[in-house]
Amino acid sequence: MNLNKAELIGNLTADPELRTMPTGQSIASFRLATNYAWRDYKSKEMKKSTEFHPVIAWGRLGDVVGKYLKKGDRVYIDGRMHTRNWQGKDGVKRNRTEVIAQNLIMLGGAKAKAEPQTEKVNDEVVVEEIDVTNAPVSDKENGKE
């Protein structure tokens, strides 16, 4: 058995680019920035690193991305990795590894609406906006009763 799965939480680096294929299917592409922080072993100094991930959303999910997302929005992406190969006009072979989004959750911040917004995209994909900044935590969720 094989597994090809990518899960990311990050911020859009620019507004998504929405295109329509000749077949009429929508495709949205955008870049997602994720951060990683750690303490250097020797200097005890905090270090940070940022990774940029190209993401592609097809069909109805692409329409939702194009309609609701903009630069700076924080999202959770669940999808799979895909590498495209092509030969450039200059004759050089090129490749690009992208995340093909299958599920998307818009993560709200301080500006988010109080009520979560959920949109059914298709039978497999649900888009949901959640305000996690003031979310109450129950004792049951902490393992206490």
N, C-alpha and C. Protein backbone atom coordinates (compact mmCIF):
# COMPACT_ATOMS: atom_id res chain seq x y z
N MET A 1 0.84 -1.18 0.00
CA MET A 1 0.00 0.00 0.00
C MET A 1 0.89 1.24 0.00
N ASN A 2 0.49 2.27 -0.72
CA ASN A 2 1.22 3.52 -0.81
C ASN A 2 0.39 4.64 -0.22
N LEU A 3 1.05 5.72 0.16
CA LEU A 3 0.36 6.88 0.71
C LEU A 3 0.99 8.13 0.13
N ASN A 4 0.16 8.99 -0.43
CA ASN A 4 0.60 10.29 -0.95
C ASN A 4 -0.34 11.32 -0.34
N LYS A 5 0.09 11.95 0.76
CA LYS A 5 -0.78 12.87 1.49
C LYS A 5 0.05 14.06 1.96
N ALA A 6 -0.54 15.24 1.83
CA ALA A 6 0.09 16.47 2.31
C ALA A 6 -0.94 17.23 3.12
N GLU A 7 -0.55 17.70 4.31
CA GLU A 7 -1.39 18.53 5.15
C GLU A 7 -0.59 19.77 5.52
N LEU A 8 -1.14 20.93 5.24
CA LEU A 8 -0.45 22.18 5.49
C LEU A 8 -1.37 23.18 6.17
N ILE A 9 -0.83 23.98 7.07
CA ILE A 9 -1.51 25.15 7.61
C ILE A 9 -0.57 26.31 7.38
N GLY A 10 -1.06 27.32 6.67
CA GLY A 10 -0.21 28.46 6.36
C GLY A 10 -1.02 29.62 5.82
N ASN A 11 -0.28 30.62 5.32
CA ASN A 11 -0.91 31.83 4.80
C ASN A 11 -0.64 31.96 3.31
N LEU A 12 -1.65 32.47 2.58
CA LEU A 12 -1.48 32.72 1.15
C LEU A 12 -0.50 33.87 0.96
N THR A 13 0.43 33.71 0.04
CA THR A 13 1.43 34.74 -0.22
C THR A 13 0.93 35.78 -1.21
N ALA A 14 -0.13 35.49 -1.94
CA ALA A 14 -0.72 36.41 -2.93
C ALA A 14 -2.15 35.96 -3.19
N ASP A 15 -2.93 36.81 -3.84
CA ASP A 15 -4.28 36.42 -4.22
C ASP A 15 -4.21 35.22 -5.17
N PRO A 16 -5.15 34.27 -5.05
CA PRO A 16 -5.15 33.11 -5.96
C PRO A 16 -5.38 33.54 -7.40
N GLU A 17 -4.81 32.78 -8.30
CA GLU A 17 -5.03 33.00 -9.74
C GLU A 17 -6.04 31.96 -10.21
N LEU A 18 -7.19 32.42 -10.69
CA LEU A 18 -8.26 31.53 -11.13
C LEU A 18 -8.30 31.51 -12.66
N ARG A 19 -8.26 30.32 -13.23
CA ARG A 19 -8.33 30.14 -14.67
C ARG A 19 -9.42 29.12 -15.00
N THR A 20 -9.84 29.10 -16.22
CA THR A 20 -10.80 28.11 -16.69
C THR A 20 -10.16 27.32 -17.82
N MET A 21 -10.19 26.00 -17.69
CA MET A 21 -9.62 25.13 -18.71
C MET A 21 -10.55 25.11 -19.93
N PRO A 22 -10.06 24.70 -21.10
CA PRO A 22 -10.91 24.61 -22.29
C PRO A 22 -12.14 23.72 -22.08
N THR A 23 -12.06 22.78 -21.14
CA THR A 23 -13.19 21.90 -20.84
C THR A 23 -14.24 22.59 -19.99
N GLY A 24 -13.93 23.79 -19.49
CA GLY A 24 -14.85 24.52 -18.63
C GLY A 24 -14.57 24.35 -17.15
N GLN A 25 -13.62 23.48 -16.81
CA GLN A 25 -13.29 23.22 -15.41
C GLN A 25 -12.40 24.35 -14.86
N SER A 26 -12.71 24.78 -13.64
CA SER A 26 -11.93 25.84 -13.00
C SER A 26 -10.67 25.27 -12.36
N ILE A 27 -9.63 26.09 -12.32
CA ILE A 27 -8.39 25.73 -11.64
C ILE A 27 -7.86 26.99 -10.96
N ALA A 28 -7.61 26.88 -9.67
CA ALA A 28 -7.04 27.99 -8.91
C ALA A 28 -5.65 27.59 -8.46
N SER A 29 -4.71 28.50 -8.59
CA SER A 29 -3.36 28.23 -8.12
C SER A 29 -2.92 29.36 -7.20
N PHE A 30 -2.19 28.98 -6.16
CA PHE A 30 -1.68 29.95 -5.19
C PHE A 30 -0.50 29.34 -4.46
N ARG A 31 0.22 30.18 -3.72
CA ARG A 31 1.34 29.72 -2.92
C ARG A 31 0.99 29.88 -1.45
N LEU A 32 1.38 28.89 -0.67
CA LEU A 32 1.12 28.88 0.75
C LEU A 32 2.46 28.92 1.49
N ALA A 33 2.59 29.84 2.43
CA ALA A 33 3.81 29.95 3.23
C ALA A 33 3.58 29.28 4.58
N THR A 34 4.49 28.38 4.95
CA THR A 34 4.44 27.74 6.26
C THR A 34 5.73 28.09 7.00
N ASN A 35 5.64 28.21 8.32
CA ASN A 35 6.79 28.59 9.14
C ASN A 35 7.18 27.45 10.07
N TYR A 36 8.46 27.43 10.41
CA TYR A 36 9.00 26.46 11.35
C TYR A 36 9.98 27.20 12.25
N ALA A 37 9.88 26.98 13.55
CA ALA A 37 10.79 27.64 14.50
C ALA A 37 11.44 26.58 15.39
N TRP A 38 12.70 26.80 15.73
CA TRP A 38 13.42 25.89 16.59
C TRP A 38 14.50 26.65 17.35
N ARG A 39 15.00 26.04 18.41
CA ARG A 39 16.08 26.64 19.19
C ARG A 39 17.39 25.98 18.78
N ASP A 40 18.37 26.80 18.41
CA ASP A 40 19.68 26.29 18.02
C ASP A 40 20.33 25.61 19.22
N TYR A 41 20.87 24.42 19.00
CA TYR A 41 21.43 23.61 20.08
C TYR A 41 22.61 24.30 20.77
N LYS A 42 23.52 24.88 19.98
CA LYS A 42 24.73 25.47 20.56
C LYS A 42 24.50 26.88 21.11
N SER A 43 23.88 27.73 20.32
CA SER A 43 23.75 29.14 20.73
C SER A 43 22.49 29.40 21.57
N LYS A 44 21.59 28.42 21.64
CA LYS A 44 20.31 28.57 22.35
C LYS A 44 19.44 29.69 21.77
N GLU A 45 19.75 30.12 20.57
CA GLU A 45 19.04 31.19 19.89
C GLU A 45 17.86 30.62 19.11
N MET A 46 16.72 31.35 19.11
CA MET A 46 15.57 30.92 18.33
C MET A 46 15.82 31.20 16.85
N LYS A 47 15.56 30.22 16.01
CA LYS A 47 15.73 30.36 14.57
C LYS A 47 14.38 30.09 13.91
N LYS A 48 14.18 30.69 12.74
CA LYS A 48 12.94 30.52 12.00
C LYS A 48 13.25 30.19 10.55
N SER A 49 12.34 29.44 9.95
CA SER A 49 12.46 29.09 8.55
C SER A 49 11.07 29.15 7.92
N THR A 50 10.99 29.61 6.69
CA THR A 50 9.72 29.67 5.96
C THR A 50 9.84 28.85 4.69
N GLU A 51 8.84 28.04 4.42
CA GLU A 51 8.76 27.26 3.19
C GLU A 51 7.58 27.77 2.38
N PHE A 52 7.72 27.74 1.06
CA PHE A 52 6.65 28.18 0.16
C PHE A 52 6.21 26.98 -0.67
N HIS A 53 4.89 26.71 -0.66
CA HIS A 53 4.34 25.53 -1.31
C HIS A 53 3.35 25.95 -2.40
N PRO A 54 3.59 25.56 -3.65
CA PRO A 54 2.59 25.82 -4.69
C PRO A 54 1.40 24.87 -4.52
N VAL A 55 0.18 25.42 -4.58
CA VAL A 55 -1.03 24.63 -4.37
C VAL A 55 -1.96 24.83 -5.57
N ILE A 56 -2.59 23.74 -6.00
CA ILE A 56 -3.55 23.76 -7.11
C ILE A 56 -4.87 23.22 -6.59
N ALA A 57 -5.97 23.92 -6.91
CA ALA A 57 -7.31 23.46 -6.54
C ALA A 57 -8.15 23.39 -7.82
N TRP A 58 -8.73 22.24 -8.08
CA TRP A 58 -9.50 22.02 -9.30
C TRP A 58 -11.00 22.09 -9.04
N GLY A 59 -11.75 22.36 -10.10
CA GLY A 59 -13.21 22.26 -10.09
C GLY A 59 -13.89 23.21 -9.11
N ARG A 60 -14.86 22.69 -8.39
CA ARG A 60 -15.64 23.51 -7.45
C ARG A 60 -14.76 24.08 -6.34
N LEU A 61 -13.78 23.30 -5.89
CA LEU A 61 -12.87 23.78 -4.86
C LEU A 61 -12.05 24.96 -5.40
N GLY A 62 -11.67 24.92 -6.66
CA GLY A 62 -10.99 26.05 -7.29
C GLY A 62 -11.86 27.29 -7.33
N ASP A 63 -13.16 27.11 -7.62
CA ASP A 63 -14.10 28.24 -7.60
C ASP A 63 -14.17 28.87 -6.21
N VAL A 64 -14.24 28.03 -5.18
CA VAL A 64 -14.32 28.52 -3.80
C VAL A 64 -13.05 29.29 -3.44
N VAL A 65 -11.90 28.75 -3.80
CA VAL A 65 -10.62 29.42 -3.53
C VAL A 65 -10.59 30.79 -4.20
N GLY A 66 -10.98 30.84 -5.48
CA GLY A 66 -10.98 32.10 -6.21
C GLY A 66 -11.94 33.12 -5.65
N LYS A 67 -13.06 32.65 -5.09
CA LYS A 67 -14.09 33.55 -4.60
C LYS A 67 -13.81 34.06 -3.18
N TYR A 68 -13.31 33.20 -2.30
CA TYR A 68 -13.24 33.54 -0.88
C TYR A 68 -11.84 33.85 -0.34
N LEU A 69 -10.79 33.39 -1.01
CA LEU A 69 -9.46 33.56 -0.44
C LEU A 69 -8.72 34.75 -1.04
N LYS A 70 -7.85 35.35 -0.22
CA LYS A 70 -7.02 36.46 -0.69
C LYS A 70 -5.68 36.41 0.04
N LYS A 71 -4.77 37.23 -0.38
CA LYS A 71 -3.43 37.29 0.21
C LYS A 71 -3.52 37.45 1.72
N GLY A 72 -2.73 36.65 2.43
CA GLY A 72 -2.67 36.73 3.89
C GLY A 72 -3.62 35.81 4.62
N ASP A 73 -4.64 35.26 3.93
CA ASP A 73 -5.59 34.38 4.59
C ASP A 73 -4.89 33.11 5.08
N ARG A 74 -5.30 32.66 6.26
CA ARG A 74 -4.74 31.44 6.86
C ARG A 74 -5.67 30.29 6.52
N VAL A 75 -5.11 29.20 6.01
CA VAL A 75 -5.91 28.05 5.59
C VAL A 75 -5.23 26.74 5.98
N TYR A 76 -6.06 25.72 6.08
CA TYR A 76 -5.61 24.34 6.22
C TYR A 76 -5.87 23.67 4.88
N ILE A 77 -4.86 23.02 4.34
CA ILE A 77 -4.97 22.31 3.06
C ILE A 77 -4.67 20.84 3.29
N ASP A 78 -5.51 19.99 2.75
CA ASP A 78 -5.31 18.55 2.77
C ASP A 78 -5.31 18.13 1.31
N GLY A 79 -4.26 17.44 0.89
CA GLY A 79 -4.20 17.05 -0.51
C GLY A 79 -3.13 16.01 -0.76
N ARG A 80 -2.66 16.00 -1.99
CA ARG A 80 -1.62 15.05 -2.40
C ARG A 80 -0.53 15.78 -3.16
N MET A 81 0.65 15.21 -3.17
CA MET A 81 1.78 15.80 -3.89
C MET A 81 1.74 15.32 -5.35
N HIS A 82 2.12 16.22 -6.26
CA HIS A 82 2.15 15.88 -7.69
C HIS A 82 3.32 16.63 -8.33
N THR A 83 4.12 15.94 -9.12
CA THR A 83 5.25 16.56 -9.81
C THR A 83 4.97 16.59 -11.31
N ARG A 84 5.03 17.80 -11.87
CA ARG A 84 4.87 17.98 -13.32
C ARG A 84 6.26 18.10 -13.95
N ASN A 85 6.42 17.52 -15.12
CA ASN A 85 7.66 17.61 -15.89
C ASN A 85 7.34 18.19 -17.26
N TRP A 86 8.20 19.07 -17.76
CA TRP A 86 8.03 19.64 -19.09
C TRP A 86 9.38 20.14 -19.60
N GLN A 87 9.39 20.42 -20.87
CA GLN A 87 10.60 20.98 -21.49
C GLN A 87 10.31 22.43 -21.85
N GLY A 88 11.14 23.34 -21.34
CA GLY A 88 10.94 24.76 -21.57
C GLY A 88 11.24 25.15 -23.01
N LYS A 89 10.89 26.37 -23.36
CA LYS A 89 11.14 26.88 -24.71
C LYS A 89 12.63 26.91 -25.03
N ASP A 90 13.45 27.00 -23.97
CA ASP A 90 14.90 27.02 -24.16
C ASP A 90 15.49 25.61 -24.25
N GLY A 91 14.63 24.57 -24.22
CA GLY A 91 15.07 23.20 -24.37
C GLY A 91 15.49 22.54 -23.06
N VAL A 92 15.40 23.24 -21.95
CA VAL A 92 15.82 22.70 -20.66
C VAL A 92 14.64 21.97 -20.02
N LYS A 93 14.92 20.75 -19.51
CA LYS A 93 13.89 20.00 -18.81
C LYS A 93 13.63 20.66 -17.46
N ARG A 94 12.36 20.79 -17.11
CA ARG A 94 11.98 21.43 -15.85
C ARG A 94 10.97 20.53 -15.14
N ASN A 95 10.86 20.73 -13.82
CA ASN A 95 9.83 20.03 -13.06
C ASN A 95 9.38 20.93 -11.92
N ARG A 96 8.21 20.64 -11.42
CA ARG A 96 7.63 21.42 -10.33
C ARG A 96 6.76 20.48 -9.50
N THR A 97 7.00 20.46 -8.21
CA THR A 97 6.19 19.66 -7.30
C THR A 97 5.16 20.56 -6.64
N GLU A 98 3.89 20.16 -6.73
CA GLU A 98 2.78 20.96 -6.23
C GLU A 98 1.91 20.12 -5.30
N VAL A 99 1.13 20.80 -4.48
CA VAL A 99 0.12 20.13 -3.67
C VAL A 99 -1.20 20.28 -4.41
N ILE A 100 -1.84 19.17 -4.70
CA ILE A 100 -3.17 19.19 -5.31
C ILE A 100 -4.17 19.13 -4.15
N ALA A 101 -4.87 20.25 -3.92
CA ALA A 101 -5.78 20.36 -2.78
C ALA A 101 -7.01 19.49 -2.99
N GLN A 102 -7.38 18.76 -1.94
CA GLN A 102 -8.59 17.96 -1.96
C GLN A 102 -9.59 18.46 -0.92
N ASN A 103 -9.09 19.04 0.16
CA ASN A 103 -9.92 19.63 1.21
C ASN A 103 -9.30 20.94 1.64
N LEU A 104 -10.14 21.86 2.05
CA LEU A 104 -9.68 23.19 2.45
C LEU A 104 -10.53 23.67 3.62
N ILE A 105 -9.87 24.18 4.65
CA ILE A 105 -10.57 24.81 5.76
C ILE A 105 -10.01 26.21 5.91
N MET A 106 -10.89 27.22 5.83
CA MET A 106 -10.46 28.60 6.03
C MET A 106 -10.40 28.84 7.53
N LEU A 107 -9.22 29.17 8.03
CA LEU A 107 -9.03 29.39 9.46
C LEU A 107 -9.19 30.87 9.74
N GLY A 108 -10.17 31.19 10.56
CA GLY A 108 -10.45 32.59 10.88
C GLY A 108 -9.46 33.14 11.89
N GLY A 109 -9.36 34.43 11.92
CA GLY A 109 -8.52 35.12 12.89
C GLY A 109 -9.36 36.10 13.66
N ALA A 110 -8.74 37.19 14.09
CA ALA A 110 -9.44 38.20 14.87
C ALA A 110 -10.56 38.85 14.08
N LYS A 111 -10.41 38.91 12.76
CA LYS A 111 -11.42 39.55 11.91
C LYS A 111 -12.52 38.59 11.47
N ALA A 112 -12.40 37.34 11.85
CA ALA A 112 -13.36 36.33 11.38
C ALA A 112 -14.74 36.56 11.99
N LYS A 113 -15.73 36.07 11.28
CA LYS A 113 -17.10 36.17 11.77
C LYS A 113 -17.30 35.21 12.94
N ALA A 114 -18.25 35.52 13.80
CA ALA A 114 -18.49 34.70 14.99
C ALA A 114 -19.00 33.31 14.63
N GLU A 115 -19.83 33.20 13.62
CA GLU A 115 -20.40 31.92 13.23
C GLU A 115 -19.53 31.26 12.17
N PRO A 116 -19.17 29.97 12.34
CA PRO A 116 -18.42 29.27 11.30
C PRO A 116 -19.23 29.18 10.01
N GLN A 117 -18.55 29.28 8.88
CA GLN A 117 -19.23 29.15 7.59
C GLN A 117 -18.75 27.88 6.93
N THR A 118 -19.68 27.03 6.55
CA THR A 118 -19.36 25.78 5.91
C THR A 118 -20.01 25.75 4.54
N GLU A 119 -19.27 25.30 3.56
CA GLU A 119 -19.83 25.18 2.22
C GLU A 119 -19.52 23.79 1.70
N LYS A 120 -20.54 23.06 1.28
CA LYS A 120 -20.34 21.74 0.71
C LYS A 120 -19.88 21.93 -0.73
N VAL A 121 -18.68 21.44 -1.03
CA VAL A 121 -18.10 21.65 -2.34
C VAL A 121 -18.48 20.51 -3.28
N ASN A 122 -18.30 19.29 -2.83
CA ASN A 122 -18.79 18.13 -3.55
C ASN A 122 -18.93 17.01 -2.53
N ASP A 123 -19.10 15.78 -2.96
CA ASP A 123 -19.32 14.70 -2.01
C ASP A 123 -18.13 14.47 -1.07
N GLU A 124 -16.92 14.87 -1.49
CA GLU A 124 -15.74 14.58 -0.70
C GLU A 124 -15.15 15.80 -0.01
N VAL A 125 -15.47 17.00 -0.47
CA VAL A 125 -14.79 18.19 0.00
C VAL A 125 -15.74 19.12 0.72
N VAL A 126 -15.37 19.53 1.92
CA VAL A 126 -16.15 20.49 2.69
C VAL A 126 -15.24 21.65 3.04
N VAL A 127 -15.68 22.87 2.78
CA VAL A 127 -14.92 24.05 3.11
C VAL A 127 -15.57 24.67 4.34
N GLU A 128 -14.76 24.98 5.35
CA GLU A 128 -15.30 25.48 6.59
C GLU A 128 -14.41 26.60 7.11
N GLU A 129 -15.03 27.66 7.60
CA GLU A 129 -14.28 28.75 8.22
C GLU A 129 -14.51 28.68 9.71
N ILE A 130 -13.42 28.66 10.48
CA ILE A 130 -13.51 28.49 11.91
C ILE A 130 -12.73 29.61 12.59
N ASP A 131 -13.32 30.22 13.61
CA ASP A 131 -12.63 31.22 14.41
C ASP A 131 -12.01 30.48 15.59
N VAL A 132 -10.68 30.26 15.56
CA VAL A 132 -10.02 29.51 16.60
C VAL A 132 -9.45 30.39 17.70
N THR A 133 -9.54 31.70 17.56
CA THR A 133 -8.94 32.59 18.55
C THR A 133 -9.69 32.60 19.86
N ASN A 134 -11.01 32.50 19.84
CA ASN A 134 -11.81 32.55 21.07
C ASN A 134 -12.63 31.29 21.27
N ALA A 135 -12.17 30.19 20.72
CA ALA A 135 -12.94 28.95 20.79
C ALA A 135 -12.90 28.41 22.22
N PRO A 136 -14.08 28.14 22.82
CA PRO A 136 -14.10 27.57 24.16
C PRO A 136 -13.63 26.13 24.13
N VAL A 137 -12.92 25.72 25.16
CA VAL A 137 -12.43 24.35 25.26
C VAL A 137 -13.18 23.70 26.42
N SER A 138 -13.88 22.63 26.13
CA SER A 138 -14.65 21.95 27.18
C SER A 138 -13.76 20.98 27.93
N ASP A 139 -14.20 20.58 29.10
CA ASP A 139 -13.46 19.60 29.89
C ASP A 139 -13.39 18.26 29.19
N LYS A 140 -14.45 17.90 28.43
CA LYS A 140 -14.45 16.64 27.70
C LYS A 140 -13.33 16.59 26.68
N GLU A 141 -13.08 17.74 25.98
CA GLU A 141 -12.02 17.78 24.98
C GLU A 141 -10.66 17.67 25.63
N ASN A 142 -10.52 18.07 26.88
CA ASN A 142 -9.25 17.96 27.59
C ASN A 142 -9.08 16.61 28.26
N GLY A 143 -10.06 15.72 28.14
CA GLY A 143 -9.98 14.40 28.74
C GLY A 143 -10.50 14.37 30.16
N LYS A 144 -11.09 15.46 30.64
CA LYS A 144 -11.66 15.52 31.99
C LYS A 144 -13.17 15.42 31.89
N GLU A 145 -13.78 14.90 32.91
CA GLU A 145 -15.24 14.84 32.91
C GLU A 145 -15.81 15.37 34.16
